[in-house]
Amino acid sequence: MTALRQRMRDDLQLRNYSEHTIRAYLRCVAEFAQHFHTSPEHLGPEHVRPYQLYLVQQKHVAWTTFKQTVCALRFFYQTTLGVPWMIEHIPHPRGQHKLPTVLSRTEVAALLTAPPNLKHRAMLATLYAAGLRVSELCALQVSDIESPRMVIRVRQGKGQRDRLVMLSPRLLQLLRQYWTHYQPPCGSSLAGH
């Protein structure tokens, strides 16, 4: 790992970025440098625009990938290299606002009852009812289900933040069936048992 790459990694860690984001930002800056076959510290505003056009017109990257690259380059130039004026030369795309696909009650019911396995039904219902990410479900422990308060404690979710989500009575009933059938130990992960 080059000293510059290590410095950027350190800068990201000091600002409490997740390991996933750190890897993504480092990859974006590395791909930028590889495109021009030189260290990113030797690249300036005259390189950013052609690279962005290359991403959109030739690589046809998704807008999320494009935005991630923009954020990575902005972080690299402003924080790691200490060149704040460079941000003016890294245009940020206009945000897209798409409405999500909303399933009907019948479709949701069919989806949640489709798995024949009780464990899989409980996992799918927890994801849906509590709005959890898969990584959050995998980390969920029996002790995180607070039935007296009707909440689920999500530890270190996105952005490494803890949060509480509502626990519906129907989900609680399904989780109790799951617990009765599988008897996961109190300190274990619900999904991993």
C-alpha atoms as a PDB file:
ATOM      1  CA  MET A   1       0.000   0.000   0.000  1.00  0.00           C
ATOM      2  CA  THR A   2       1.412   3.374  -0.977  1.00  0.00           C
ATOM      3  CA  ALA A   3       1.920   6.069   1.639  1.00  0.00           C
ATOM      4  CA  LEU A   4      -0.739   8.243  -0.035  1.00  0.00           C
ATOM      5  CA  ARG A   5      -3.289   5.415  -0.028  1.00  0.00           C
ATOM      6  CA  GLN A   6      -2.499   4.714   3.633  1.00  0.00           C
ATOM      7  CA  ARG A   7      -2.933   8.403   4.463  1.00  0.00           C
ATOM      8  CA  MET A   8      -6.357   8.443   2.804  1.00  0.00           C
ATOM      9  CA  ARG A   9      -7.322   5.249   4.667  1.00  0.00           C
ATOM     10  CA  ASP A  10      -6.220   6.870   7.939  1.00  0.00           C
ATOM     11  CA  ASP A  11      -8.178  10.052   7.141  1.00  0.00           C
ATOM     12  CA  LEU A  12     -11.316   7.987   6.500  1.00  0.00           C
ATOM     13  CA  GLN A  13     -10.853   5.950   9.685  1.00  0.00           C
ATOM     14  CA  LEU A  14     -10.308   9.089  11.784  1.00  0.00           C
ATOM     15  CA  ARG A  15     -13.665  10.376  10.516  1.00  0.00           C
ATOM     16  CA  ASN A  16     -15.362   7.089  11.463  1.00  0.00           C
ATOM     17  CA  TYR A  17     -16.255   5.942   7.937  1.00  0.00           C
ATOM     18  CA  SER A  18     -17.343   2.307   7.736  1.00  0.00           C
ATOM     19  CA  GLU A  19     -14.881  -0.282   6.441  1.00  0.00           C
ATOM     20  CA  HIS A  20     -17.156  -0.825   3.450  1.00  0.00           C
ATOM     21  CA  THR A  21     -17.048   2.893   2.546  1.00  0.00           C
ATOM     22  CA  ILE A  22     -13.292   3.037   3.091  1.00  0.00           C
ATOM     23  CA  ARG A  23     -12.729   0.175   0.641  1.00  0.00           C
ATOM     24  CA  ALA A  24     -15.112   1.752  -1.888  1.00  0.00           C
ATOM     25  CA  TYR A  25     -13.491   5.213  -1.706  1.00  0.00           C
ATOM     26  CA  LEU A  26      -9.989   3.769  -2.000  1.00  0.00           C
ATOM     27  CA  ARG A  27     -11.097   1.703  -4.999  1.00  0.00           C
ATOM     28  CA  CYS A  28     -12.667   4.765  -6.696  1.00  0.00           C
ATOM     29  CA  VAL A  29      -9.514   6.859  -6.317  1.00  0.00           C
ATOM     30  CA  ALA A  30      -7.330   3.940  -7.444  1.00  0.00           C
ATOM     31  CA  GLU A  31      -9.450   3.467 -10.591  1.00  0.00           C
ATOM     32  CA  PHE A  32      -9.199   7.204 -11.288  1.00  0.00           C
ATOM     33  CA  ALA A  33      -5.403   7.003 -11.048  1.00  0.00           C
ATOM     34  CA  GLN A  34      -5.216   3.815 -13.127  1.00  0.00           C
ATOM     35  CA  HIS A  35      -7.257   5.446 -15.878  1.00  0.00           C
ATOM     36  CA  PHE A  36      -4.499   8.055 -16.319  1.00  0.00           C
ATOM     37  CA  HIS A  37      -1.619   5.717 -15.367  1.00  0.00           C
ATOM     38  CA  THR A  38      -0.287   8.089 -12.719  1.00  0.00           C
ATOM     39  CA  SER A  39      -0.613   8.866  -9.031  1.00  0.00           C
ATOM     40  CA  PRO A  40      -3.811  10.781  -8.189  1.00  0.00           C
ATOM     41  CA  GLU A  41      -1.788  13.511  -6.480  1.00  0.00           C
ATOM     42  CA  HIS A  42      -0.472  14.461  -9.944  1.00  0.00           C
ATOM     43  CA  LEU A  43      -3.970  14.726 -11.414  1.00  0.00           C
ATOM     44  CA  GLY A  44      -5.958  17.934 -11.389  1.00  0.00           C
ATOM     45  CA  PRO A  45      -9.158  19.566 -12.618  1.00  0.00           C
ATOM     46  CA  GLU A  46      -8.268  18.916 -16.254  1.00  0.00           C
ATOM     47  CA  HIS A  47      -8.439  15.148 -15.531  1.00  0.00           C
ATOM     48  CA  VAL A  48     -11.626  14.966 -13.460  1.00  0.00           C
ATOM     49  CA  ARG A  49     -14.133  16.027 -16.119  1.00  0.00           C
ATOM     50  CA  PRO A  50     -12.834  13.651 -18.836  1.00  0.00           C
ATOM     51  CA  TYR A  51     -12.849  10.827 -16.266  1.00  0.00           C
ATOM     52  CA  GLN A  52     -16.435  11.584 -15.279  1.00  0.00           C
ATOM     53  CA  LEU A  53     -17.456  11.613 -18.945  1.00  0.00           C
ATOM     54  CA  TYR A  54     -15.638   8.301 -19.417  1.00  0.00           C
ATOM     55  CA  LEU A  55     -17.599   6.786 -16.499  1.00  0.00           C
ATOM     56  CA  VAL A  56     -20.936   7.955 -17.899  1.00  0.00           C
ATOM     57  CA  GLN A  57     -20.441   7.617 -21.649  1.00  0.00           C
ATOM     58  CA  GLN A  58     -18.155   4.620 -22.011  1.00  0.00           C
ATOM     59  CA  LYS A  59     -18.400   2.554 -18.829  1.00  0.00           C
ATOM     60  CA  HIS A  60     -22.107   3.339 -18.381  1.00  0.00           C
ATOM     61  CA  VAL A  61     -21.789   3.120 -14.594  1.00  0.00           C
ATOM     62  CA  ALA A  62     -24.866   3.410 -12.402  1.00  0.00           C
ATOM     63  CA  TRP A  63     -25.517   6.862 -10.945  1.00  0.00           C
ATOM     64  CA  THR A  64     -24.858   5.491  -7.472  1.00  0.00           C
ATOM     65  CA  THR A  65     -21.377   4.420  -8.590  1.00  0.00           C
ATOM     66  CA  PHE A  66     -20.835   7.786 -10.248  1.00  0.00           C
ATOM     67  CA  LYS A  67     -21.862   9.652  -7.072  1.00  0.00           C
ATOM     68  CA  GLN A  68     -19.641   7.421  -4.949  1.00  0.00           C
ATOM     69  CA  THR A  69     -16.694   8.250  -7.215  1.00  0.00           C
ATOM     70  CA  VAL A  70     -17.457  11.975  -6.903  1.00  0.00           C
ATOM     71  CA  CYS A  71     -17.594  11.724  -3.101  1.00  0.00           C
ATOM     72  CA  ALA A  72     -14.362   9.716  -3.005  1.00  0.00           C
ATOM     73  CA  LEU A  73     -12.501  12.228  -5.192  1.00  0.00           C
ATOM     74  CA  ARG A  74     -13.852  15.176  -3.208  1.00  0.00           C
ATOM     75  CA  PHE A  75     -12.729  13.537   0.044  1.00  0.00           C
ATOM     76  CA  PHE A  76      -9.319  12.705  -1.428  1.00  0.00           C
ATOM     77  CA  TYR A  77      -8.598  16.209  -2.681  1.00  0.00           C
ATOM     78  CA  GLN A  78     -10.113  18.181   0.194  1.00  0.00           C
ATOM     79  CA  THR A  79      -9.100  16.043   3.168  1.00  0.00           C
ATOM     80  CA  THR A  80      -6.153  13.893   2.183  1.00  0.00           C
ATOM     81  CA  LEU A  81      -4.380  16.351  -0.113  1.00  0.00           C
ATOM     82  CA  GLY A  82      -5.708  19.520   1.535  1.00  0.00           C
ATOM     83  CA  VAL A  83      -6.795  21.130  -1.739  1.00  0.00           C
ATOM     84  CA  PRO A  84     -10.297  22.461  -0.953  1.00  0.00           C
ATOM     85  CA  TRP A  85     -10.585  24.524  -4.142  1.00  0.00           C
ATOM     86  CA  MET A  86     -10.553  21.282  -6.150  1.00  0.00           C
ATOM     87  CA  ILE A  87     -14.135  20.527  -5.079  1.00  0.00           C
ATOM     88  CA  GLU A  88     -15.366  23.247  -7.441  1.00  0.00           C
ATOM     89  CA  HIS A  89     -13.949  21.159 -10.314  1.00  0.00           C
ATOM     90  CA  ILE A  90     -15.667  17.920  -9.335  1.00  0.00           C
ATOM     91  CA  PRO A  91     -19.314  18.349 -10.366  1.00  0.00           C
ATOM     92  CA  HIS A  92     -21.859  16.441  -8.347  1.00  0.00           C
ATOM     93  CA  PRO A  93     -24.817  15.011 -10.296  1.00  0.00           C
ATOM     94  CA  ARG A  94     -28.343  16.144  -9.638  1.00  0.00           C
ATOM     95  CA  GLY A  95     -30.145  13.680  -7.407  1.00  0.00           C
ATOM     96  CA  GLN A  96     -32.686  11.305  -8.873  1.00  0.00           C
ATOM     97  CA  HIS A  97     -35.925  10.842  -7.006  1.00  0.00           C
ATOM     98  CA  LYS A  98     -37.606   7.597  -7.940  1.00  0.00           C
ATOM     99  CA  LEU A  99     -40.678   6.333  -6.186  1.00  0.00           C
ATOM    100  CA  PRO A 100     -40.193   2.844  -4.797  1.00  0.00           C
ATOM    101  CA  THR A 101     -42.293  -0.063  -6.001  1.00  0.00           C
ATOM    102  CA  VAL A 102     -44.979  -0.657  -3.412  1.00  0.00           C
ATOM    103  CA  LEU A 103     -46.332  -4.176  -3.085  1.00  0.00           C
ATOM    104  CA  SER A 104     -50.012  -4.774  -2.481  1.00  0.00           C
ATOM    105  CA  ARG A 105     -51.149  -6.469   0.726  1.00  0.00           C
ATOM    106  CA  THR A 106     -51.746  -9.672  -1.216  1.00  0.00           C
ATOM    107  CA  GLU A 107     -48.231  -9.558  -2.710  1.00  0.00           C
ATOM    108  CA  VAL A 108     -46.669  -8.908   0.702  1.00  0.00           C
ATOM    109  CA  ALA A 109     -48.646 -11.767   2.266  1.00  0.00           C
ATOM    110  CA  ALA A 110     -47.590 -14.114  -0.551  1.00  0.00           C
ATOM    111  CA  LEU A 111     -43.953 -13.065  -0.165  1.00  0.00           C
ATOM    112  CA  LEU A 112     -43.906 -13.515   3.609  1.00  0.00           C
ATOM    113  CA  THR A 113     -45.611 -16.921   3.560  1.00  0.00           C
ATOM    114  CA  ALA A 114     -43.665 -18.314   0.576  1.00  0.00           C
ATOM    115  CA  PRO A 115     -40.723 -19.869   2.489  1.00  0.00           C
ATOM    116  CA  PRO A 116     -41.768 -23.284   3.884  1.00  0.00           C
ATOM    117  CA  ASN A 117     -39.053 -23.100   6.559  1.00  0.00           C
ATOM    118  CA  LEU A 118     -40.080 -21.262   9.770  1.00  0.00           C
ATOM    119  CA  LYS A 119     -36.614 -19.744  10.198  1.00  0.00           C
ATOM    120  CA  HIS A 120     -36.648 -18.284   6.682  1.00  0.00           C
ATOM    121  CA  ARG A 121     -40.183 -16.933   7.151  1.00  0.00           C
ATOM    122  CA  ALA A 122     -39.120 -15.280  10.421  1.00  0.00           C
ATOM    123  CA  MET A 123     -36.037 -13.739   8.800  1.00  0.00           C
ATOM    124  CA  LEU A 124     -37.989 -12.408   5.813  1.00  0.00           C
ATOM    125  CA  ALA A 125     -40.765 -11.043   8.036  1.00  0.00           C
ATOM    126  CA  THR A 126     -38.216  -9.324  10.295  1.00  0.00           C
ATOM    127  CA  LEU A 127     -36.489  -7.718   7.322  1.00  0.00           C
ATOM    128  CA  TYR A 128     -39.798  -6.456   5.973  1.00  0.00           C
ATOM    129  CA  ALA A 129     -41.623  -5.465   9.166  1.00  0.00           C
ATOM    130  CA  ALA A 130     -38.664  -3.772  10.861  1.00  0.00           C
ATOM    131  CA  GLY A 131     -37.074  -2.325   7.716  1.00  0.00           C
ATOM    132  CA  LEU A 132     -33.726  -3.940   8.479  1.00  0.00           C
ATOM    133  CA  ARG A 133     -30.777  -4.392   6.176  1.00  0.00           C
ATOM    134  CA  VAL A 134     -29.486  -7.940   5.740  1.00  0.00           C
ATOM    135  CA  SER A 135     -26.326  -7.118   7.720  1.00  0.00           C
ATOM    136  CA  GLU A 136     -28.491  -5.777  10.554  1.00  0.00           C
ATOM    137  CA  LEU A 137     -30.585  -8.949  10.565  1.00  0.00           C
ATOM    138  CA  CYS A 138     -27.437 -11.098  10.650  1.00  0.00           C
ATOM    139  CA  ALA A 139     -26.195  -9.192  13.714  1.00  0.00           C
ATOM    140  CA  LEU A 140     -29.569  -9.261  15.507  1.00  0.00           C
ATOM    141  CA  GLN A 141     -29.497 -11.175  18.793  1.00  0.00           C
ATOM    142  CA  VAL A 142     -32.278 -12.604  20.936  1.00  0.00           C
ATOM    143  CA  SER A 143     -31.558  -9.951  23.568  1.00  0.00           C
ATOM    144  CA  ASP A 144     -32.227  -7.219  20.966  1.00  0.00           C
ATOM    145  CA  ILE A 145     -35.928  -8.131  20.859  1.00  0.00           C
ATOM    146  CA  GLU A 146     -37.518  -6.042  23.620  1.00  0.00           C
ATOM    147  CA  SER A 147     -41.065  -7.407  23.735  1.00  0.00           C
ATOM    148  CA  PRO A 148     -42.207  -5.430  26.824  1.00  0.00           C
ATOM    149  CA  ARG A 149     -41.425  -2.175  24.973  1.00  0.00           C
ATOM    150  CA  MET A 150     -42.379  -3.623  21.542  1.00  0.00           C
ATOM    151  CA  VAL A 151     -39.102  -2.518  19.945  1.00  0.00           C
ATOM    152  CA  ILE A 152     -36.106  -4.116  18.271  1.00  0.00           C
ATOM    153  CA  ARG A 153     -32.700  -2.688  19.106  1.00  0.00           C
ATOM    154  CA  VAL A 154     -30.513  -2.428  15.995  1.00  0.00           C
ATOM    155  CA  ARG A 155     -26.864  -2.157  16.977  1.00  0.00           C
ATOM    156  CA  GLN A 156     -24.298  -0.483  14.730  1.00  0.00           C
ATOM    157  CA  GLY A 157     -26.546  -0.208  11.664  1.00  0.00           C
ATOM    158  CA  LYS A 158     -25.757   2.003   8.680  1.00  0.00           C
ATOM    159  CA  GLY A 159     -23.349   4.748   9.673  1.00  0.00           C
ATOM    160  CA  GLN A 160     -22.475   2.632  12.737  1.00  0.00           C
ATOM    161  CA  ARG A 161     -25.471   4.017  14.592  1.00  0.00           C
ATOM    162  CA  ASP A 162     -27.745   2.269  17.037  1.00  0.00           C
ATOM    163  CA  ARG A 163     -31.482   2.689  16.621  1.00  0.00           C
ATOM    164  CA  LEU A 164     -34.791   1.327  17.835  1.00  0.00           C
ATOM    165  CA  VAL A 165     -37.467   0.089  15.435  1.00  0.00           C
ATOM    166  CA  MET A 166     -41.053  -0.831  16.152  1.00  0.00           C
ATOM    167  CA  LEU A 167     -41.907  -4.481  16.802  1.00  0.00           C
ATOM    168  CA  SER A 168     -45.335  -5.397  15.462  1.00  0.00           C
ATOM    169  CA  PRO A 169     -47.488  -7.866  17.424  1.00  0.00           C
ATOM    170  CA  ARG A 170     -47.642 -10.206  14.392  1.00  0.00           C
ATOM    171  CA  LEU A 171     -43.851 -10.210  14.046  1.00  0.00           C
ATOM    172  CA  LEU A 172     -43.465 -10.819  17.783  1.00  0.00           C
ATOM    173  CA  GLN A 173     -45.796 -13.819  17.516  1.00  0.00           C
ATOM    174  CA  LEU A 174     -43.751 -15.240  14.605  1.00  0.00           C
ATOM    175  CA  LEU A 175     -40.451 -14.625  16.435  1.00  0.00           C
ATOM    176  CA  ARG A 176     -41.823 -16.415  19.488  1.00  0.00           C
ATOM    177  CA  GLN A 177     -42.740 -19.417  17.308  1.00  0.00           C
ATOM    178  CA  TYR A 178     -39.227 -19.349  15.876  1.00  0.00           C
ATOM    179  CA  TRP A 179     -37.680 -19.126  19.339  1.00  0.00           C
ATOM    180  CA  THR A 180     -39.829 -22.010  20.645  1.00  0.00           C
ATOM    181  CA  HIS A 181     -38.884 -24.208  17.699  1.00  0.00           C
ATOM    182  CA  TYR A 182     -35.138 -23.404  17.471  1.00  0.00           C
ATOM    183  CA  GLN A 183     -34.300 -22.257  21.038  1.00  0.00           C
ATOM    184  CA  PRO A 184     -31.392 -19.960  20.050  1.00  0.00           C
ATOM    185  CA  PRO A 185     -29.141 -19.090  23.005  1.00  0.00           C
ATOM    186  CA  CYS A 186     -29.528 -15.551  24.372  1.00  0.00           C
ATOM    187  CA  GLY A 187     -26.163 -14.245  23.104  1.00  0.00           C
ATOM    188  CA  SER A 188     -26.432 -15.778  19.631  1.00  0.00           C
ATOM    189  CA  SER A 189     -27.502 -14.225  16.359  1.00  0.00           C
ATOM    190  CA  LEU A 190     -31.090 -14.915  15.380  1.00  0.00           C
ATOM    191  CA  ALA A 191     -30.213 -15.413  11.706  1.00  0.00           C
ATOM    192  CA  GLY A 192     -27.065 -17.449  12.272  1.00  0.00           C
ATOM    193  CA  HIS A 193     -28.563 -20.118  14.510  1.00  0.00           C
END
